[in-house]
Amino acid sequence: MRFRENDVFPLDNSPGYLLNLTVREISVHLARAFKAGGLELTPQQWALLARLWEKDGQHQNELAETTTKDRHNVARILALMERNGMVERRPDPDDRRLQRVYLTDLGKSLRPRLTAMALEVLEQAFQGVSDQDVRRFRGICRRVIANSSIHASAKEE
Protein backbone atom coordinates (compact mmCIF):
# COMPACT_ATOMS: atom_id res chain seq x y z
CA MET A 1 0.00 0.00 0.00
CA ARG A 2 1.42 3.36 -1.05
CA PHE A 3 -0.37 5.55 1.50
CA ARG A 4 -0.15 5.10 5.23
CA GLU A 5 -2.06 7.00 7.88
CA ASN A 6 0.83 9.31 8.75
CA ASP A 7 1.32 10.06 5.01
CA VAL A 8 -2.13 11.67 4.75
CA PHE A 9 -2.81 12.78 8.31
CA PRO A 10 -2.46 15.50 9.37
CA LEU A 11 -4.88 16.47 6.64
CA ASP A 12 -2.40 18.95 5.14
CA ASN A 13 -0.48 15.94 3.78
CA SER A 14 -3.49 14.35 2.04
CA PRO A 15 -3.24 14.50 -1.78
CA GLY A 16 -7.03 14.85 -2.00
CA TYR A 17 -7.05 17.75 0.41
CA LEU A 18 -4.14 19.42 -1.40
CA LEU A 19 -5.91 19.09 -4.77
CA ASN A 20 -9.11 20.52 -3.30
CA LEU A 21 -7.20 23.40 -1.72
CA THR A 22 -5.39 24.07 -5.02
CA VAL A 23 -8.67 24.26 -6.93
CA ARG A 24 -10.17 26.55 -4.31
CA GLU A 25 -7.19 28.91 -4.27
CA ILE A 26 -7.05 29.19 -8.06
CA SER A 27 -10.83 29.75 -8.19
CA VAL A 28 -10.61 32.54 -5.61
CA HIS A 29 -7.69 34.12 -7.48
CA LEU A 30 -9.65 33.92 -10.76
CA ALA A 31 -12.76 35.48 -9.19
CA ARG A 32 -10.63 38.33 -7.82
CA ALA A 33 -9.03 38.89 -11.22
CA PHE A 34 -12.43 39.08 -12.90
CA LYS A 35 -13.67 41.52 -10.27
CA ALA A 36 -10.54 43.67 -10.52
CA GLY A 37 -11.12 43.75 -14.27
CA GLY A 38 -14.60 45.14 -13.70
CA LEU A 39 -16.39 41.90 -14.53
CA GLU A 40 -19.19 40.35 -12.50
CA LEU A 41 -18.27 36.78 -13.40
CA THR A 42 -17.71 33.68 -11.29
CA PRO A 43 -15.29 30.82 -12.00
CA GLN A 44 -18.38 28.63 -12.54
CA GLN A 45 -19.63 30.99 -15.25
CA TRP A 46 -16.14 31.05 -16.74
CA ALA A 47 -16.15 27.24 -16.97
CA LEU A 48 -19.47 27.25 -18.83
CA LEU A 49 -18.27 29.97 -21.21
CA ALA A 50 -15.04 28.05 -21.85
CA ARG A 51 -17.00 24.89 -22.75
CA LEU A 52 -19.28 26.91 -25.04
CA TRP A 53 -16.25 28.50 -26.73
CA GLU A 54 -15.08 24.94 -27.42
CA LYS A 55 -18.48 23.90 -28.78
CA ASP A 56 -21.40 26.31 -28.99
CA GLY A 57 -24.98 25.05 -28.86
CA GLN A 58 -24.55 22.30 -26.29
CA HIS A 59 -27.42 20.85 -24.28
CA GLN A 60 -27.61 22.01 -20.66
CA ASN A 61 -27.05 18.43 -19.51
CA GLU A 62 -23.93 18.16 -21.66
CA LEU A 63 -22.58 21.35 -20.10
CA ALA A 64 -23.27 19.96 -16.63
CA GLU A 65 -21.42 16.77 -17.48
CA THR A 66 -18.40 18.40 -19.12
CA THR A 67 -17.97 20.91 -16.28
CA THR A 68 -18.69 18.27 -13.59
CA LYS A 69 -21.42 20.43 -12.11
CA ASP A 70 -24.87 19.51 -10.88
CA ARG A 71 -27.44 20.11 -13.64
CA HIS A 72 -29.66 22.16 -11.34
CA ASN A 73 -26.73 24.45 -10.52
CA VAL A 74 -25.90 24.72 -14.22
CA ALA A 75 -29.51 25.73 -14.95
CA ARG A 76 -29.30 28.41 -12.24
CA ILE A 77 -25.94 29.72 -13.46
CA LEU A 78 -27.17 29.77 -17.07
CA ALA A 79 -30.27 31.73 -16.06
CA LEU A 80 -28.01 34.41 -14.56
CA MET A 81 -25.74 34.38 -17.61
CA GLU A 82 -28.79 34.71 -19.84
CA ARG A 83 -30.02 37.73 -17.84
CA ASN A 84 -26.54 39.25 -18.20
CA GLY A 85 -26.67 38.74 -21.96
CA MET A 86 -23.83 36.21 -22.30
CA VAL A 87 -25.86 33.22 -23.47
CA GLU A 88 -29.28 32.34 -24.74
CA ARG A 89 -31.17 29.10 -24.34
CA ARG A 90 -33.30 27.72 -27.14
CA PRO A 91 -35.32 24.55 -27.46
CA ASP A 92 -33.58 21.75 -29.34
CA PRO A 93 -35.22 21.55 -32.78
CA ASP A 94 -35.21 17.73 -32.61
CA ASP A 95 -36.43 17.41 -29.03
CA ARG A 96 -38.31 20.39 -27.59
CA ARG A 97 -37.88 19.03 -24.04
CA LEU A 98 -34.16 19.80 -24.24
CA GLN A 99 -32.51 23.21 -24.15
CA ARG A 100 -29.47 24.12 -26.19
CA VAL A 101 -27.21 26.92 -24.98
CA TYR A 102 -25.70 29.41 -27.40
CA LEU A 103 -23.24 32.22 -26.89
CA THR A 104 -24.48 35.71 -27.64
CA ASP A 105 -22.27 38.29 -29.31
CA LEU A 106 -21.32 39.46 -25.81
CA GLY A 107 -20.45 35.92 -24.73
CA LYS A 108 -18.26 35.47 -27.80
CA SER A 109 -16.60 38.86 -27.38
CA LEU A 110 -15.52 38.09 -23.79
CA ARG A 111 -13.24 35.26 -24.86
CA PRO A 112 -9.97 37.16 -25.51
CA ARG A 113 -10.22 39.24 -22.34
CA LEU A 114 -11.26 36.39 -20.02
CA THR A 115 -8.74 33.98 -21.50
CA ALA A 116 -5.94 36.49 -20.94
CA MET A 117 -7.04 36.93 -17.32
CA ALA A 118 -7.23 33.17 -16.74
CA LEU A 119 -3.80 32.63 -18.28
CA GLU A 120 -2.35 35.33 -16.02
CA VAL A 121 -3.88 33.63 -12.95
CA LEU A 122 -2.36 30.30 -14.00
CA GLU A 123 1.03 31.93 -14.64
CA GLN A 124 0.97 33.37 -11.14
CA ALA A 125 -0.26 30.14 -9.55
CA PHE A 126 2.43 28.05 -11.27
CA GLN A 127 5.24 30.55 -10.74
CA GLY A 128 8.44 28.64 -9.99
CA VAL A 129 7.06 25.39 -11.45
CA SER A 130 8.85 24.16 -14.56
CA ASP A 131 7.05 23.47 -17.84
CA GLN A 132 8.01 19.81 -17.45
CA ASP A 133 6.46 19.71 -13.96
CA VAL A 134 3.26 21.35 -15.28
CA ARG A 135 3.02 18.65 -17.98
CA ARG A 136 3.71 15.97 -15.37
CA PHE A 137 1.07 17.50 -13.06
CA ARG A 138 -1.54 17.38 -15.86
CA GLY A 139 -0.68 13.75 -16.52
CA ILE A 140 -0.88 12.83 -12.85
CA CYS A 141 -4.25 14.58 -12.49
CA ARG A 142 -5.61 12.76 -15.55
CA ARG A 143 -4.39 9.42 -14.19
CA VAL A 144 -5.94 10.04 -10.74
CA ILE A 145 -9.23 11.09 -12.38
CA ALA A 146 -9.24 7.98 -14.57
CA ASN A 147 -8.38 5.71 -11.63
CA SER A 148 -11.05 7.30 -9.44
CA SER A 149 -13.67 7.01 -12.21
CA ILE A 150 -12.88 3.34 -12.77
CA HIS A 151 -13.15 2.51 -9.07
CA ALA A 152 -16.32 4.59 -8.60
CA SER A 153 -17.95 2.84 -11.58
CA ALA A 154 -16.96 -0.59 -10.27
CA LYS A 155 -18.61 0.13 -6.90
CA GLU A 156 -21.85 1.23 -8.57
CA GLU A 157 -22.17 -2.11 -10.38
C-alpha atoms as a PDB file:
ATOM      1  CA  MET A   1       0.000   0.000   0.000  1.00  0.00           C
ATOM      2  CA  ARG A   2       1.420   3.357  -1.049  1.00  0.00           C
ATOM      3  CA  PHE A   3      -0.368   5.545   1.496  1.00  0.00           C
ATOM      4  CA  ARG A   4      -0.153   5.101   5.231  1.00  0.00           C
ATOM      5  CA  GLU A   5      -2.059   6.997   7.876  1.00  0.00           C
ATOM      6  CA  ASN A   6       0.827   9.308   8.751  1.00  0.00           C
ATOM      7  CA  ASP A   7       1.320  10.056   5.006  1.00  0.00           C
ATOM      8  CA  VAL A   8      -2.129  11.672   4.745  1.00  0.00           C
ATOM      9  CA  PHE A   9      -2.812  12.784   8.308  1.00  0.00           C
ATOM     10  CA  PRO A  10      -2.459  15.499   9.374  1.00  0.00           C
ATOM     11  CA  LEU A  11      -4.881  16.470   6.642  1.00  0.00           C
ATOM     12  CA  ASP A  12      -2.403  18.953   5.143  1.00  0.00           C
ATOM     13  CA  ASN A  13      -0.484  15.937   3.778  1.00  0.00           C
ATOM     14  CA  SER A  14      -3.492  14.352   2.040  1.00  0.00           C
ATOM     15  CA  PRO A  15      -3.243  14.503  -1.779  1.00  0.00           C
ATOM     16  CA  GLY A  16      -7.034  14.846  -2.004  1.00  0.00           C
ATOM     17  CA  TYR A  17      -7.050  17.751   0.412  1.00  0.00           C
ATOM     18  CA  LEU A  18      -4.144  19.418  -1.397  1.00  0.00           C
ATOM     19  CA  LEU A  19      -5.912  19.093  -4.770  1.00  0.00           C
ATOM     20  CA  ASN A  20      -9.108  20.523  -3.305  1.00  0.00           C
ATOM     21  CA  LEU A  21      -7.200  23.404  -1.718  1.00  0.00           C
ATOM     22  CA  THR A  22      -5.388  24.066  -5.018  1.00  0.00           C
ATOM     23  CA  VAL A  23      -8.669  24.261  -6.934  1.00  0.00           C
ATOM     24  CA  ARG A  24     -10.172  26.552  -4.310  1.00  0.00           C
ATOM     25  CA  GLU A  25      -7.194  28.912  -4.271  1.00  0.00           C
ATOM     26  CA  ILE A  26      -7.046  29.186  -8.065  1.00  0.00           C
ATOM     27  CA  SER A  27     -10.827  29.746  -8.191  1.00  0.00           C
ATOM     28  CA  VAL A  28     -10.607  32.536  -5.606  1.00  0.00           C
ATOM     29  CA  HIS A  29      -7.694  34.117  -7.479  1.00  0.00           C
ATOM     30  CA  LEU A  30      -9.650  33.916 -10.758  1.00  0.00           C
ATOM     31  CA  ALA A  31     -12.760  35.481  -9.189  1.00  0.00           C
ATOM     32  CA  ARG A  32     -10.628  38.332  -7.817  1.00  0.00           C
ATOM     33  CA  ALA A  33      -9.026  38.886 -11.224  1.00  0.00           C
ATOM     34  CA  PHE A  34     -12.434  39.078 -12.898  1.00  0.00           C
ATOM     35  CA  LYS A  35     -13.675  41.515 -10.267  1.00  0.00           C
ATOM     36  CA  ALA A  36     -10.535  43.668 -10.523  1.00  0.00           C
ATOM     37  CA  GLY A  37     -11.118  43.749 -14.269  1.00  0.00           C
ATOM     38  CA  GLY A  38     -14.601  45.139 -13.697  1.00  0.00           C
ATOM     39  CA  LEU A  39     -16.391  41.900 -14.530  1.00  0.00           C
ATOM     40  CA  GLU A  40     -19.194  40.346 -12.504  1.00  0.00           C
ATOM     41  CA  LEU A  41     -18.266  36.783 -13.405  1.00  0.00           C
ATOM     42  CA  THR A  42     -17.708  33.683 -11.294  1.00  0.00           C
ATOM     43  CA  PRO A  43     -15.294  30.824 -11.998  1.00  0.00           C
ATOM     44  CA  GLN A  44     -18.380  28.634 -12.542  1.00  0.00           C
ATOM     45  CA  GLN A  45     -19.630  30.990 -15.249  1.00  0.00           C
ATOM     46  CA  TRP A  46     -16.135  31.055 -16.736  1.00  0.00           C
ATOM     47  CA  ALA A  47     -16.146  27.237 -16.970  1.00  0.00           C
ATOM     48  CA  LEU A  48     -19.469  27.251 -18.833  1.00  0.00           C
ATOM     49  CA  LEU A  49     -18.265  29.970 -21.206  1.00  0.00           C
ATOM     50  CA  ALA A  50     -15.041  28.046 -21.852  1.00  0.00           C
ATOM     51  CA  ARG A  51     -17.003  24.892 -22.746  1.00  0.00           C
ATOM     52  CA  LEU A  52     -19.278  26.909 -25.043  1.00  0.00           C
ATOM     53  CA  TRP A  53     -16.249  28.502 -26.730  1.00  0.00           C
ATOM     54  CA  GLU A  54     -15.078  24.941 -27.420  1.00  0.00           C
ATOM     55  CA  LYS A  55     -18.483  23.896 -28.784  1.00  0.00           C
ATOM     56  CA  ASP A  56     -21.398  26.309 -28.990  1.00  0.00           C
ATOM     57  CA  GLY A  57     -24.983  25.052 -28.858  1.00  0.00           C
ATOM     58  CA  GLN A  58     -24.551  22.301 -26.287  1.00  0.00           C
ATOM     59  CA  HIS A  59     -27.423  20.849 -24.285  1.00  0.00           C
ATOM     60  CA  GLN A  60     -27.605  22.010 -20.663  1.00  0.00           C
ATOM     61  CA  ASN A  61     -27.047  18.426 -19.511  1.00  0.00           C
ATOM     62  CA  GLU A  62     -23.934  18.160 -21.661  1.00  0.00           C
ATOM     63  CA  LEU A  63     -22.576  21.346 -20.097  1.00  0.00           C
ATOM     64  CA  ALA A  64     -23.272  19.959 -16.630  1.00  0.00           C
ATOM     65  CA  GLU A  65     -21.419  16.767 -17.477  1.00  0.00           C
ATOM     66  CA  THR A  66     -18.398  18.403 -19.117  1.00  0.00           C
ATOM     67  CA  THR A  67     -17.972  20.907 -16.280  1.00  0.00           C
ATOM     68  CA  THR A  68     -18.688  18.269 -13.592  1.00  0.00           C
ATOM     69  CA  LYS A  69     -21.423  20.426 -12.108  1.00  0.00           C
ATOM     70  CA  ASP A  70     -24.874  19.514 -10.875  1.00  0.00           C
ATOM     71  CA  ARG A  71     -27.441  20.107 -13.640  1.00  0.00           C
ATOM     72  CA  HIS A  72     -29.656  22.164 -11.343  1.00  0.00           C
ATOM     73  CA  ASN A  73     -26.728  24.453 -10.517  1.00  0.00           C
ATOM     74  CA  VAL A  74     -25.900  24.720 -14.218  1.00  0.00           C
ATOM     75  CA  ALA A  75     -29.507  25.733 -14.952  1.00  0.00           C
ATOM     76  CA  ARG A  76     -29.304  28.413 -12.240  1.00  0.00           C
ATOM     77  CA  ILE A  77     -25.940  29.716 -13.461  1.00  0.00           C
ATOM     78  CA  LEU A  78     -27.167  29.770 -17.074  1.00  0.00           C
ATOM     79  CA  ALA A  79     -30.267  31.729 -16.056  1.00  0.00           C
ATOM     80  CA  LEU A  80     -28.008  34.414 -14.562  1.00  0.00           C
ATOM     81  CA  MET A  81     -25.737  34.381 -17.610  1.00  0.00           C
ATOM     82  CA  GLU A  82     -28.792  34.712 -19.840  1.00  0.00           C
ATOM     83  CA  ARG A  83     -30.020  37.726 -17.837  1.00  0.00           C
ATOM     84  CA  ASN A  84     -26.543  39.247 -18.201  1.00  0.00           C
ATOM     85  CA  GLY A  85     -26.672  38.740 -21.963  1.00  0.00           C
ATOM     86  CA  MET A  86     -23.834  36.211 -22.302  1.00  0.00           C
ATOM     87  CA  VAL A  87     -25.858  33.217 -23.474  1.00  0.00           C
ATOM     88  CA  GLU A  88     -29.278  32.338 -24.740  1.00  0.00           C
ATOM     89  CA  ARG A  89     -31.173  29.097 -24.343  1.00  0.00           C
ATOM     90  CA  ARG A  90     -33.296  27.724 -27.142  1.00  0.00           C
ATOM     91  CA  PRO A  91     -35.325  24.546 -27.463  1.00  0.00           C
ATOM     92  CA  ASP A  92     -33.575  21.751 -29.339  1.00  0.00           C
ATOM     93  CA  PRO A  93     -35.219  21.547 -32.779  1.00  0.00           C
ATOM     94  CA  ASP A  94     -35.212  17.731 -32.613  1.00  0.00           C
ATOM     95  CA  ASP A  95     -36.434  17.413 -29.027  1.00  0.00           C
ATOM     96  CA  ARG A  96     -38.312  20.391 -27.589  1.00  0.00           C
ATOM     97  CA  ARG A  97     -37.881  19.029 -24.045  1.00  0.00           C
ATOM     98  CA  LEU A  98     -34.159  19.801 -24.238  1.00  0.00           C
ATOM     99  CA  GLN A  99     -32.512  23.214 -24.154  1.00  0.00           C
ATOM    100  CA  ARG A 100     -29.466  24.116 -26.189  1.00  0.00           C
ATOM    101  CA  VAL A 101     -27.214  26.920 -24.979  1.00  0.00           C
ATOM    102  CA  TYR A 102     -25.704  29.410 -27.402  1.00  0.00           C
ATOM    103  CA  LEU A 103     -23.236  32.220 -26.887  1.00  0.00           C
ATOM    104  CA  THR A 104     -24.484  35.708 -27.644  1.00  0.00           C
ATOM    105  CA  ASP A 105     -22.270  38.294 -29.307  1.00  0.00           C
ATOM    106  CA  LEU A 106     -21.324  39.462 -25.811  1.00  0.00           C
ATOM    107  CA  GLY A 107     -20.445  35.916 -24.726  1.00  0.00           C
ATOM    108  CA  LYS A 108     -18.261  35.468 -27.796  1.00  0.00           C
ATOM    109  CA  SER A 109     -16.604  38.863 -27.383  1.00  0.00           C
ATOM    110  CA  LEU A 110     -15.518  38.093 -23.794  1.00  0.00           C
ATOM    111  CA  ARG A 111     -13.237  35.256 -24.857  1.00  0.00           C
ATOM    112  CA  PRO A 112      -9.973  37.157 -25.513  1.00  0.00           C
ATOM    113  CA  ARG A 113     -10.216  39.237 -22.338  1.00  0.00           C
ATOM    114  CA  LEU A 114     -11.263  36.390 -20.022  1.00  0.00           C
ATOM    115  CA  THR A 115      -8.745  33.982 -21.500  1.00  0.00           C
ATOM    116  CA  ALA A 116      -5.940  36.492 -20.941  1.00  0.00           C
ATOM    117  CA  MET A 117      -7.040  36.931 -17.323  1.00  0.00           C
ATOM    118  CA  ALA A 118      -7.230  33.166 -16.740  1.00  0.00           C
ATOM    119  CA  LEU A 119      -3.796  32.635 -18.282  1.00  0.00           C
ATOM    120  CA  GLU A 120      -2.346  35.327 -16.020  1.00  0.00           C
ATOM    121  CA  VAL A 121      -3.878  33.634 -12.953  1.00  0.00           C
ATOM    122  CA  LEU A 122      -2.357  30.305 -13.998  1.00  0.00           C
ATOM    123  CA  GLU A 123       1.034  31.925 -14.638  1.00  0.00           C
ATOM    124  CA  GLN A 124       0.969  33.374 -11.142  1.00  0.00           C
ATOM    125  CA  ALA A 125      -0.259  30.142  -9.548  1.00  0.00           C
ATOM    126  CA  PHE A 126       2.426  28.047 -11.267  1.00  0.00           C
ATOM    127  CA  GLN A 127       5.240  30.548 -10.739  1.00  0.00           C
ATOM    128  CA  GLY A 128       8.440  28.636  -9.988  1.00  0.00           C
ATOM    129  CA  VAL A 129       7.062  25.388 -11.445  1.00  0.00           C
ATOM    130  CA  SER A 130       8.855  24.156 -14.563  1.00  0.00           C
ATOM    131  CA  ASP A 131       7.048  23.466 -17.843  1.00  0.00           C
ATOM    132  CA  GLN A 132       8.007  19.812 -17.450  1.00  0.00           C
ATOM    133  CA  ASP A 133       6.456  19.712 -13.961  1.00  0.00           C
ATOM    134  CA  VAL A 134       3.264  21.348 -15.278  1.00  0.00           C
ATOM    135  CA  ARG A 135       3.019  18.653 -17.984  1.00  0.00           C
ATOM    136  CA  ARG A 136       3.715  15.969 -15.370  1.00  0.00           C
ATOM    137  CA  PHE A 137       1.073  17.500 -13.059  1.00  0.00           C
ATOM    138  CA  ARG A 138      -1.537  17.381 -15.857  1.00  0.00           C
ATOM    139  CA  GLY A 139      -0.680  13.749 -16.516  1.00  0.00           C
ATOM    140  CA  ILE A 140      -0.882  12.830 -12.851  1.00  0.00           C
ATOM    141  CA  CYS A 141      -4.249  14.583 -12.491  1.00  0.00           C
ATOM    142  CA  ARG A 142      -5.614  12.765 -15.554  1.00  0.00           C
ATOM    143  CA  ARG A 143      -4.390   9.415 -14.189  1.00  0.00           C
ATOM    144  CA  VAL A 144      -5.937  10.042 -10.742  1.00  0.00           C
ATOM    145  CA  ILE A 145      -9.228  11.095 -12.381  1.00  0.00           C
ATOM    146  CA  ALA A 146      -9.237   7.978 -14.570  1.00  0.00           C
ATOM    147  CA  ASN A 147      -8.383   5.706 -11.629  1.00  0.00           C
ATOM    148  CA  SER A 148     -11.046   7.297  -9.441  1.00  0.00           C
ATOM    149  CA  SER A 149     -13.668   7.013 -12.206  1.00  0.00           C
ATOM    150  CA  ILE A 150     -12.878   3.338 -12.774  1.00  0.00           C
ATOM    151  CA  HIS A 151     -13.149   2.509  -9.069  1.00  0.00           C
ATOM    152  CA  ALA A 152     -16.316   4.591  -8.602  1.00  0.00           C
ATOM    153  CA  SER A 153     -17.951   2.835 -11.578  1.00  0.00           C
ATOM    154  CA  ALA A 154     -16.964  -0.594 -10.273  1.00  0.00           C
ATOM    155  CA  LYS A 155     -18.605   0.130  -6.895  1.00  0.00           C
ATOM    156  CA  GLU A 156     -21.852   1.233  -8.569  1.00  0.00           C
ATOM    157  CA  GLU A 157     -22.166  -2.108 -10.376  1.00  0.00           C
END
